[in-house]
């Protein structure tokens, strides 16, 4: 273990040539690798705080804004199909469907419908999506405001060359230390909750993003890339809270508000991620930093992580531009390009069609019953009228005599 520590924490990996760990330790308010351990209890605290927030704030707020959950058709009991669904996968192949029809005694169409209903049962409700979006909205908004307040008066906020003045012997202010640790703890909580959060089409990209962000924050803190790291965090938080707010109003059915917020988010995202991030952040770390120190292993590793983030930015920008195209030329945002599943809308539409068919069938049955009752009432009324007329005629006959 000691040999591993000596290999892992070799100063050639983490620090520029000529700088040792002893010099870093002698500096007041210097970053130490053990400081990162506080991010793990912070992550657990964020998870507990999220559960409390969703129950006490997000759910009542969803009801207040009018979030409605779709009523989905439930799958009928079928032990053999349920066993296949839980143990194997949710989308059986055609050959597997043929085998399941023999085991369950159902037709092929009934088996396909059962699996579609069963998948829809497991889809997250609008309330769950709203709670997740509102939690991220609150954090990103607070983080952006706090980060901007702590950085706006720093010299490296205006001039990125100041990120490297005296590097790496740069003391860290307490506010920037906590800014770093809180953000790191939050991304740890996102990674720990990724299995229970809403899964979208970019699920793998989200995992890569969380891992890259955690590695970026952890390494940049140990190598004292904190100044440029705070700018990276601020650039990301500047647009994230706008996206989450647009999602909230989308789930609540406020389409005009959602569309307006999405347009603002798209503009901020494209400017910050495709213009500011590469021109101010990546250019600073790749080019300007070389005026202060010679390249070392940490230099290449840090910039590689930044390039991974930039590749993800380009991928998400493509999705956003597709949605902007739909908004401009179709007049609305039909759906989230990062929706839970590509076939979700189609399957829910089929379910709605089945519900309408069932409603029509039940209405036809009720109509037949009503027609029969109406016919019986009509015939009884006719008989009653005939009986009363006969009685009145009989009562008048003696008098006429």
Protein backbone atom coordinates (compact mmCIF):
# COMPACT_ATOMS: atom_id res chain seq x y z
CA UNK A 1 0.00 0.00 0.00
CA UNK A 2 2.84 2.36 0.85
CA UNK A 3 4.48 1.61 -2.48
CA UNK A 4 1.18 2.40 -4.26
CA UNK A 5 0.90 5.72 -2.41
CA UNK A 6 4.43 6.63 -3.35
CA UNK A 7 3.71 5.86 -7.00
CA UNK A 8 0.30 7.61 -7.03
CA UNK A 9 1.43 10.80 -5.31
CA UNK A 10 4.67 11.28 -7.16
CA UNK A 11 5.11 15.04 -7.48
CA UNK A 12 6.03 14.70 -11.16
CA UNK A 13 2.45 13.63 -11.86
CA UNK A 14 0.69 16.41 -9.98
CA UNK A 15 3.00 19.42 -9.92
CA UNK A 16 5.09 21.34 -12.48
CA UNK A 17 8.84 20.64 -12.68
CA UNK A 18 10.78 22.13 -9.75
CA UNK A 19 7.83 22.15 -7.28
CA UNK A 20 7.62 19.60 -4.44
CA UNK A 21 4.88 18.51 -2.05
CA UNK A 22 6.93 19.95 0.82
CA UNK A 23 6.77 23.41 -0.70
CA UNK A 24 3.02 23.02 -1.16
CA UNK A 25 2.55 21.92 2.46
CA UNK A 26 4.56 24.87 3.79
CA UNK A 27 2.27 27.33 2.02
CA UNK A 28 -0.58 28.76 4.07
CA UNK A 29 -4.08 27.61 2.98
CA UNK A 30 -2.59 25.15 0.52
CA UNK A 31 -4.75 22.41 -1.09
CA UNK A 32 -4.10 18.94 0.34
CA UNK A 33 -5.44 15.69 -1.18
CA UNK A 34 -6.98 14.61 2.15
CA UNK A 35 -9.29 17.62 1.98
CA UNK A 36 -11.28 15.82 -0.73
CA UNK A 37 -12.58 13.24 1.76
CA UNK A 38 -15.12 15.75 3.06
CA UNK A 39 -16.96 15.53 -0.28
CA UNK A 40 -18.22 12.01 0.51
CA UNK A 41 -20.21 12.91 3.67
CA UNK A 42 -21.39 16.01 1.78
CA UNK A 43 -22.72 13.72 -0.96
CA UNK A 44 -24.67 11.64 1.58
CA UNK A 45 -25.98 14.87 3.09
CA UNK A 46 -27.16 16.03 -0.33
CA UNK A 47 -29.01 12.74 -0.87
CA UNK A 48 -30.79 13.07 2.49
CA UNK A 49 -31.56 16.73 1.83
CA UNK A 50 -32.92 15.85 -1.60
CA UNK A 51 -35.33 13.27 -0.15
CA UNK A 52 -36.61 15.81 2.38
CA UNK A 53 -36.86 18.54 -0.27
CA UNK A 54 -38.84 16.40 -2.69
CA UNK A 55 -41.35 15.35 -0.03
CA UNK A 56 -41.87 18.69 1.68
CA UNK A 57 -41.34 21.19 -1.14
CA UNK A 58 -41.25 19.64 -4.62
CA UNK A 59 -44.38 17.47 -4.38
CA UNK A 60 -46.63 20.26 -2.98
CA UNK A 61 -45.18 22.65 -5.56
CA UNK A 62 -45.98 20.19 -8.35
CA UNK A 63 -49.61 20.07 -7.20
CA UNK A 64 -49.71 23.86 -7.01
CA UNK A 65 -48.42 24.25 -10.57
CA UNK A 66 -50.82 21.61 -11.88
CA UNK A 67 -48.53 18.68 -12.61
CA UNK A 68 -50.67 15.72 -13.65
CA UNK A 69 -49.56 12.10 -13.84
CA UNK A 70 -50.66 10.04 -16.80
CA UNK A 71 -53.00 7.17 -15.94
CA UNK A 72 -51.50 4.11 -17.61
CA UNK A 73 -53.10 0.77 -18.29
CA UNK A 74 -51.78 -1.89 -15.92
CA UNK A 75 -50.54 -5.22 -17.19
CA UNK A 76 -52.74 -8.20 -16.37
CA UNK A 77 -51.21 -10.90 -14.08
CA UNK A 78 -48.99 -13.24 -16.12
CA UNK A 79 -46.32 -15.08 -14.04
CA UNK A 80 -44.33 -16.38 -17.02
CA UNK A 81 -44.19 -12.97 -18.70
CA UNK A 82 -43.35 -11.24 -15.42
CA UNK A 83 -40.48 -13.67 -14.81
CA UNK A 84 -39.06 -12.99 -18.27
CA UNK A 85 -39.47 -9.22 -17.79
CA UNK A 86 -37.60 -9.14 -14.47
CA UNK A 87 -34.88 -11.72 -15.17
CA UNK A 88 -34.07 -11.05 -18.83
CA UNK A 89 -35.05 -7.79 -20.53
CA UNK A 90 -37.97 -5.49 -21.23
CA UNK A 91 -37.99 -5.74 -25.05
CA UNK A 92 -38.27 -9.40 -26.13
CA UNK A 93 -37.22 -10.37 -29.63
CA UNK A 94 -39.67 -11.88 -32.10
CA UNK A 95 -38.41 -15.42 -31.42
CA UNK A 96 -38.78 -14.85 -27.68
CA UNK A 97 -42.32 -13.57 -28.16
CA UNK A 98 -43.21 -16.78 -29.99
CA UNK A 99 -41.83 -18.83 -27.11
CA UNK A 100 -43.69 -16.72 -24.54
CA UNK A 101 -47.00 -17.20 -26.36
CA UNK A 102 -46.69 -20.95 -25.81
CA UNK A 103 -45.76 -20.56 -22.14
CA UNK A 104 -48.47 -18.06 -21.28
CA UNK A 105 -51.26 -19.32 -23.51
CA UNK A 106 -51.79 -15.82 -24.94
CA UNK A 107 -51.69 -14.67 -28.52
CA UNK A 108 -48.68 -12.86 -29.96
CA UNK A 109 -50.57 -9.57 -29.98
CA UNK A 110 -51.56 -9.99 -26.33
CA UNK A 111 -47.95 -10.71 -25.33
CA UNK A 112 -46.71 -7.59 -27.14
CA UNK A 113 -49.43 -5.48 -25.53
CA UNK A 114 -48.58 -6.93 -22.09
CA UNK A 115 -44.92 -5.97 -22.41
CA UNK A 116 -45.83 -2.49 -23.57
CA UNK A 117 -48.16 -1.98 -20.60
CA UNK A 118 -45.54 -3.41 -18.23
CA UNK A 119 -42.87 -1.05 -19.54
CA UNK A 120 -45.19 1.92 -19.17
CA UNK A 121 -45.87 0.93 -15.54
CA UNK A 122 -42.15 1.37 -14.79
CA UNK A 123 -41.85 4.70 -16.52
CA UNK A 124 -41.33 7.63 -14.13
CA UNK A 125 -44.34 9.82 -13.51
CA UNK A 126 -44.45 13.51 -14.27
CA UNK A 127 -44.33 14.20 -10.54
CA UNK A 128 -41.06 12.28 -10.19
CA UNK A 129 -39.58 14.12 -13.15
CA UNK A 130 -40.72 17.44 -11.72
CA UNK A 131 -39.19 16.68 -8.32
CA UNK A 132 -35.85 15.76 -9.88
CA UNK A 133 -35.81 18.90 -12.04
CA UNK A 134 -36.81 21.18 -9.16
CA UNK A 135 -34.04 19.79 -6.92
CA UNK A 136 -31.39 20.41 -9.55
CA UNK A 137 -32.87 23.83 -10.33
CA UNK A 138 -32.57 24.94 -6.70
CA UNK A 139 -28.98 23.71 -6.39
CA UNK A 140 -27.74 25.10 -9.71
CA UNK A 141 -29.38 28.47 -9.07
CA UNK A 142 -27.89 28.81 -5.57
CA UNK A 143 -24.50 27.53 -6.77
CA UNK A 144 -24.44 30.01 -9.67
CA UNK A 145 -25.37 32.99 -7.50
CA UNK A 146 -22.89 32.01 -4.76
CA UNK A 147 -20.14 31.27 -7.28
CA UNK A 148 -20.64 34.55 -9.11
CA UNK A 149 -20.63 36.50 -5.84
CA UNK A 150 -17.37 34.85 -4.74
CA UNK A 151 -15.59 35.27 -8.09
CA UNK A 152 -16.74 38.61 -9.48
CA UNK A 153 -14.16 40.55 -7.42
CA UNK A 154 -11.24 38.18 -8.09
CA UNK A 155 -8.53 39.23 -10.58
CA UNK A 156 -8.82 36.01 -12.62
CA UNK A 157 -12.53 36.58 -13.29
CA UNK A 158 -11.69 39.39 -15.73
CA UNK A 159 -8.20 38.34 -16.80
CA UNK A 160 -7.64 34.60 -17.11
CA UNK A 161 -3.85 35.08 -17.12
CA UNK A 162 -4.14 35.69 -13.38
CA UNK A 163 -5.04 32.01 -12.98
CA UNK A 164 -1.34 31.22 -13.48
CA UNK A 165 0.37 34.08 -11.65
CA UNK A 166 2.52 32.38 -8.99
CA UNK A 167 1.19 28.93 -9.88
CA UNK A 168 1.10 26.45 -8.16
CA UNK A 169 1.99 28.28 -4.92
CA UNK A 170 -1.41 29.99 -4.71
CA UNK A 171 -3.34 30.02 -1.41
CA UNK A 172 -7.02 29.05 -1.57
CA UNK A 173 -9.62 31.27 0.06
CA UNK A 174 -12.12 29.55 2.35
CA UNK A 175 -15.06 30.55 0.16
CA UNK A 176 -13.48 28.94 -2.91
CA UNK A 177 -12.57 25.84 -0.90
CA UNK A 178 -16.19 25.33 0.14
CA UNK A 179 -17.42 26.21 -3.36
CA UNK A 180 -15.24 23.39 -4.65
CA UNK A 181 -16.18 20.82 -2.00
CA UNK A 182 -19.93 21.51 -2.22
CA UNK A 183 -19.90 21.16 -6.01
CA UNK A 184 -17.83 17.97 -5.75
CA UNK A 185 -20.21 16.53 -3.14
CA UNK A 186 -23.21 17.36 -5.32
CA UNK A 187 -21.76 15.57 -8.37
CA UNK A 188 -20.94 12.58 -6.17
CA UNK A 189 -24.61 12.51 -5.11
CA UNK A 190 -25.73 12.64 -8.76
CA UNK A 191 -23.47 9.71 -9.60
CA UNK A 192 -24.71 7.69 -6.60
CA UNK A 193 -28.35 8.34 -7.53
CA UNK A 194 -27.96 7.70 -11.26
CA UNK A 195 -29.64 4.28 -11.00
CA UNK A 196 -32.86 5.72 -9.49
CA UNK A 197 -33.03 8.97 -11.45
CA UNK A 198 -34.96 9.36 -14.69
CA UNK A 199 -33.05 7.59 -17.47
CA UNK A 200 -32.84 9.46 -20.74
CA UNK A 201 -31.37 8.76 -24.15
CA UNK A 202 -28.10 10.38 -23.11
CA UNK A 203 -27.83 8.18 -19.99
CA UNK A 204 -24.31 7.00 -20.87
CA UNK A 205 -23.20 10.52 -21.70
CA UNK A 206 -24.53 11.70 -18.33
CA UNK A 207 -22.47 9.06 -16.50
CA UNK A 208 -19.38 10.07 -18.48
CA UNK A 209 -20.09 13.71 -17.64
CA UNK A 210 -20.41 13.02 -13.90
CA UNK A 211 -17.25 10.91 -13.79
CA UNK A 212 -15.27 13.43 -15.85
CA UNK A 213 -16.48 16.27 -13.61
CA UNK A 214 -15.53 14.41 -10.42
CA UNK A 215 -12.08 13.55 -11.78
CA UNK A 216 -11.67 17.10 -13.01
CA UNK A 217 -12.57 18.62 -9.63
CA UNK A 218 -10.51 16.11 -7.64
CA UNK A 219 -7.39 16.38 -9.76
CA UNK A 220 -7.59 20.14 -10.21
CA UNK A 221 -7.83 20.61 -6.44
CA UNK A 222 -4.78 18.42 -5.74
CA UNK A 223 -2.77 20.14 -8.49
CA UNK A 224 -4.08 23.56 -7.35
CA UNK A 225 -5.92 24.29 -10.58
CA UNK A 226 -8.57 25.81 -8.33
CA UNK A 227 -8.69 29.23 -9.94
CA UNK A 228 -9.45 27.93 -13.41
CA UNK A 229 -11.64 25.22 -11.85
CA UNK A 230 -13.94 27.79 -10.26
CA UNK A 231 -14.44 29.39 -13.68
CA UNK A 232 -15.32 25.98 -15.17
CA UNK A 233 -17.97 25.48 -12.47
CA UNK A 234 -19.42 28.95 -12.99
CA UNK A 235 -19.70 28.48 -16.77
CA UNK A 236 -21.58 25.20 -16.30
CA UNK A 237 -23.96 26.47 -13.61
CA UNK A 238 -24.89 29.54 -15.68
CA UNK A 239 -27.14 27.57 -18.01
CA UNK A 240 -28.04 24.44 -16.04
CA UNK A 241 -30.63 26.13 -13.80
CA UNK A 242 -32.40 27.53 -16.88
CA UNK A 243 -32.74 24.05 -18.37
CA UNK A 244 -34.13 22.61 -15.13
CA UNK A 245 -36.67 25.44 -14.81
CA UNK A 246 -37.84 24.81 -18.38
CA UNK A 247 -38.31 21.12 -17.53
CA UNK A 248 -40.35 22.02 -14.45
CA UNK A 249 -42.82 24.10 -16.43
CA UNK A 250 -42.92 21.48 -19.18
CA UNK A 251 -44.05 18.80 -16.72
CA UNK A 252 -46.59 21.26 -15.29
CA UNK A 253 -48.06 21.85 -18.75
CA UNK A 254 -47.09 25.53 -18.96
CA UNK A 255 -46.03 25.27 -22.59
CA UNK A 256 -45.52 28.97 -23.36
CA UNK A 257 -43.42 29.51 -20.24
CA UNK A 258 -41.45 26.34 -20.99
CA UNK A 259 -40.78 27.41 -24.58
CA UNK A 260 -39.63 30.87 -23.52
CA UNK A 261 -37.27 29.49 -20.87
CA UNK A 262 -35.92 26.94 -23.29
CA UNK A 263 -35.08 29.62 -25.86
CA UNK A 264 -33.22 31.59 -23.18
CA UNK A 265 -31.44 28.42 -22.04
CA UNK A 266 -30.45 27.52 -25.61
CA UNK A 267 -28.93 30.95 -26.17
CA UNK A 268 -26.99 30.91 -22.88
CA UNK A 269 -25.85 27.30 -23.40
CA UNK A 270 -24.58 27.86 -26.93
CA UNK A 271 -22.70 31.01 -25.93
CA UNK A 272 -21.15 29.68 -22.71
CA UNK A 273 -20.38 26.10 -23.80
CA UNK A 274 -19.41 26.63 -27.45
CA UNK A 275 -17.84 30.10 -27.24
CA UNK A 276 -16.78 31.04 -23.71
CA UNK A 277 -15.65 27.59 -22.58
CA UNK A 278 -13.26 26.85 -25.48
CA UNK A 279 -12.04 30.44 -25.95
CA UNK A 280 -11.59 31.40 -22.29
CA UNK A 281 -11.11 28.13 -20.39
CA UNK A 282 -9.50 25.63 -22.75
CA UNK A 283 -7.36 28.27 -24.46
CA UNK A 284 -6.17 29.45 -21.04
CA UNK A 285 -5.17 26.00 -19.84
CA UNK A 286 -3.62 24.90 -23.13
CA UNK A 287 -1.78 28.05 -24.23
CA UNK A 288 -1.55 30.72 -21.53
CA UNK A 289 -0.45 28.32 -18.80
CA UNK A 290 2.65 27.43 -20.82
CA UNK A 291 3.96 30.96 -20.21
CA UNK A 292 4.42 30.06 -16.53
CA UNK A 293 5.49 26.37 -16.38
CA UNK A 294 6.59 23.50 -18.57
CA UNK A 295 4.12 20.73 -19.50
CA UNK A 296 3.81 17.83 -17.06
CA UNK A 297 1.56 14.81 -16.74
CA UNK A 298 -1.13 16.71 -14.86
CA UNK A 299 -1.24 19.33 -17.60
CA UNK A 300 -2.13 16.71 -20.21
CA UNK A 301 -4.61 14.92 -17.94
CA UNK A 302 -6.45 18.11 -16.97
CA UNK A 303 -6.77 19.32 -20.53
CA UNK A 304 -7.89 15.88 -21.72
CA UNK A 305 -10.79 16.03 -19.24
CA UNK A 306 -11.70 19.51 -20.45
CA UNK A 307 -11.78 18.25 -24.03
CA UNK A 308 -14.06 15.37 -22.98
CA UNK A 309 -16.46 17.94 -21.49
CA UNK A 310 -16.26 19.99 -24.67
CA UNK A 311 -17.13 16.92 -26.76
CA UNK A 312 -20.21 16.41 -24.57
CA UNK A 313 -21.08 20.09 -25.01
CA UNK A 314 -21.05 19.65 -28.78
CA UNK A 315 -23.26 16.54 -28.51
CA UNK A 316 -25.83 18.35 -26.34
CA UNK A 317 -25.65 21.45 -28.53
CA UNK A 318 -26.68 19.28 -31.49
CA UNK A 319 -29.71 18.03 -29.54
CA UNK A 320 -30.60 21.57 -28.51
CA UNK A 321 -30.35 22.89 -32.06
CA UNK A 322 -32.71 20.12 -33.20
CA UNK A 323 -35.24 21.29 -30.62
CA UNK A 324 -34.74 24.93 -31.60
CA UNK A 325 -35.39 23.94 -35.23
CA UNK A 326 -38.66 22.29 -34.21
CA UNK A 327 -39.61 25.35 -32.18
CA UNK A 328 -38.91 27.81 -35.01
CA UNK A 329 -40.36 25.83 -37.93
CA UNK A 330 -43.04 23.73 -36.22
CA UNK A 331 -44.08 26.33 -33.69
CA UNK A 332 -43.64 24.17 -30.58
CA UNK A 333 -41.34 21.85 -28.71
CA UNK A 334 -42.88 18.44 -29.27
CA UNK A 335 -40.74 16.59 -26.73
CA UNK A 336 -37.47 16.54 -24.93
CA UNK A 337 -34.74 15.25 -27.24
CA UNK A 338 -33.27 13.59 -24.15
CA UNK A 339 -36.54 11.84 -23.22
CA UNK A 340 -36.62 8.68 -21.16
CA UNK A 341 -36.89 6.39 -24.16
CA UNK A 342 -37.12 6.84 -27.90
CA UNK A 343 -40.31 4.75 -28.07
CA UNK A 344 -42.00 6.27 -25.03
CA UNK A 345 -44.22 8.66 -26.98
CA UNK A 346 -45.24 5.95 -29.44
CA UNK A 347 -46.08 3.43 -26.72
CA UNK A 348 -48.03 5.99 -24.71
CA UNK A 349 -49.92 6.98 -27.86
CA UNK A 350 -50.80 3.32 -28.44
CA UNK A 351 -51.99 3.08 -24.84
CA UNK A 352 -54.13 6.15 -25.33
CA UNK A 353 -55.59 4.56 -28.46
CA UNK A 354 -56.40 1.41 -26.53
CA UNK A 355 -58.00 3.48 -23.77
CA UNK A 356 -60.16 5.25 -26.37
CA UNK A 357 -61.13 1.91 -27.90
CA UNK A 358 -62.07 0.59 -24.48
CA UNK A 359 -64.05 3.76 -23.78
CA UNK A 360 -65.85 3.40 -27.13
CA UNK A 361 -66.57 -0.28 -26.45
CA UNK A 362 -67.88 0.43 -22.98
CA UNK A 363 -69.96 3.31 -24.35
CA UNK A 364 -71.44 1.01 -27.00
CA UNK A 365 -72.34 -1.50 -24.31
CA UNK A 366 -73.91 1.22 -22.17
CA UNK A 367 -75.75 2.53 -25.22
CA UNK A 368 -77.26 -0.90 -25.93
CA UNK A 369 -78.39 -1.18 -22.30
CA UNK A 370 -79.84 2.33 -22.37
CA UNK A 371 -81.65 1.67 -25.67
CA UNK A 372 -83.19 -1.51 -24.29
CA UNK A 373 -84.25 0.27 -21.10
CA UNK A 374 -85.65 3.14 -23.14
CA UNK A 375 -87.60 0.71 -25.30
CA UNK A 376 -89.00 -1.00 -22.20
CA UNK A 377 -89.93 2.35 -20.68
CA UNK A 378 -91.55 3.44 -23.93
CA UNK A 379 -93.57 0.25 -24.24
CA UNK A 380 -94.62 0.45 -20.60
CA UNK A 381 -95.70 4.05 -21.09
CA UNK A 382 -97.77 3.06 -24.16
CA UNK A 383 -99.41 0.23 -22.23
CA UNK A 384 -100.15 2.53 -19.32
CA UNK A 385 -101.74 5.08 -21.66
CA UNK A 386 -103.87 2.41 -23.34
CA UNK A 387 -104.95 1.04 -19.96
CA UNK A 388 -105.89 4.49 -18.66
CA UNK A 389 -107.83 5.29 -21.84
CA UNK A 390 -109.75 2.00 -21.61
CA UNK A 391 -110.58 2.70 -17.98
CA UNK A 392 -111.85 6.19 -18.77
CA UNK A 393 -114.03 4.86 -21.60
CA UNK A 394 -115.52 2.22 -19.36
CA UNK A 395 -116.23 4.77 -16.65
CA UNK A 396 -118.14 6.99 -19.09
CA UNK A 397 -120.31 4.27 -20.65
CA UNK A 398 -123.00 4.04 -17.90
CA UNK A 399 -123.47 7.76 -17.87
CA UNK A 400 -124.03 7.88 -21.60
CA UNK A 401 -126.67 5.22 -21.27
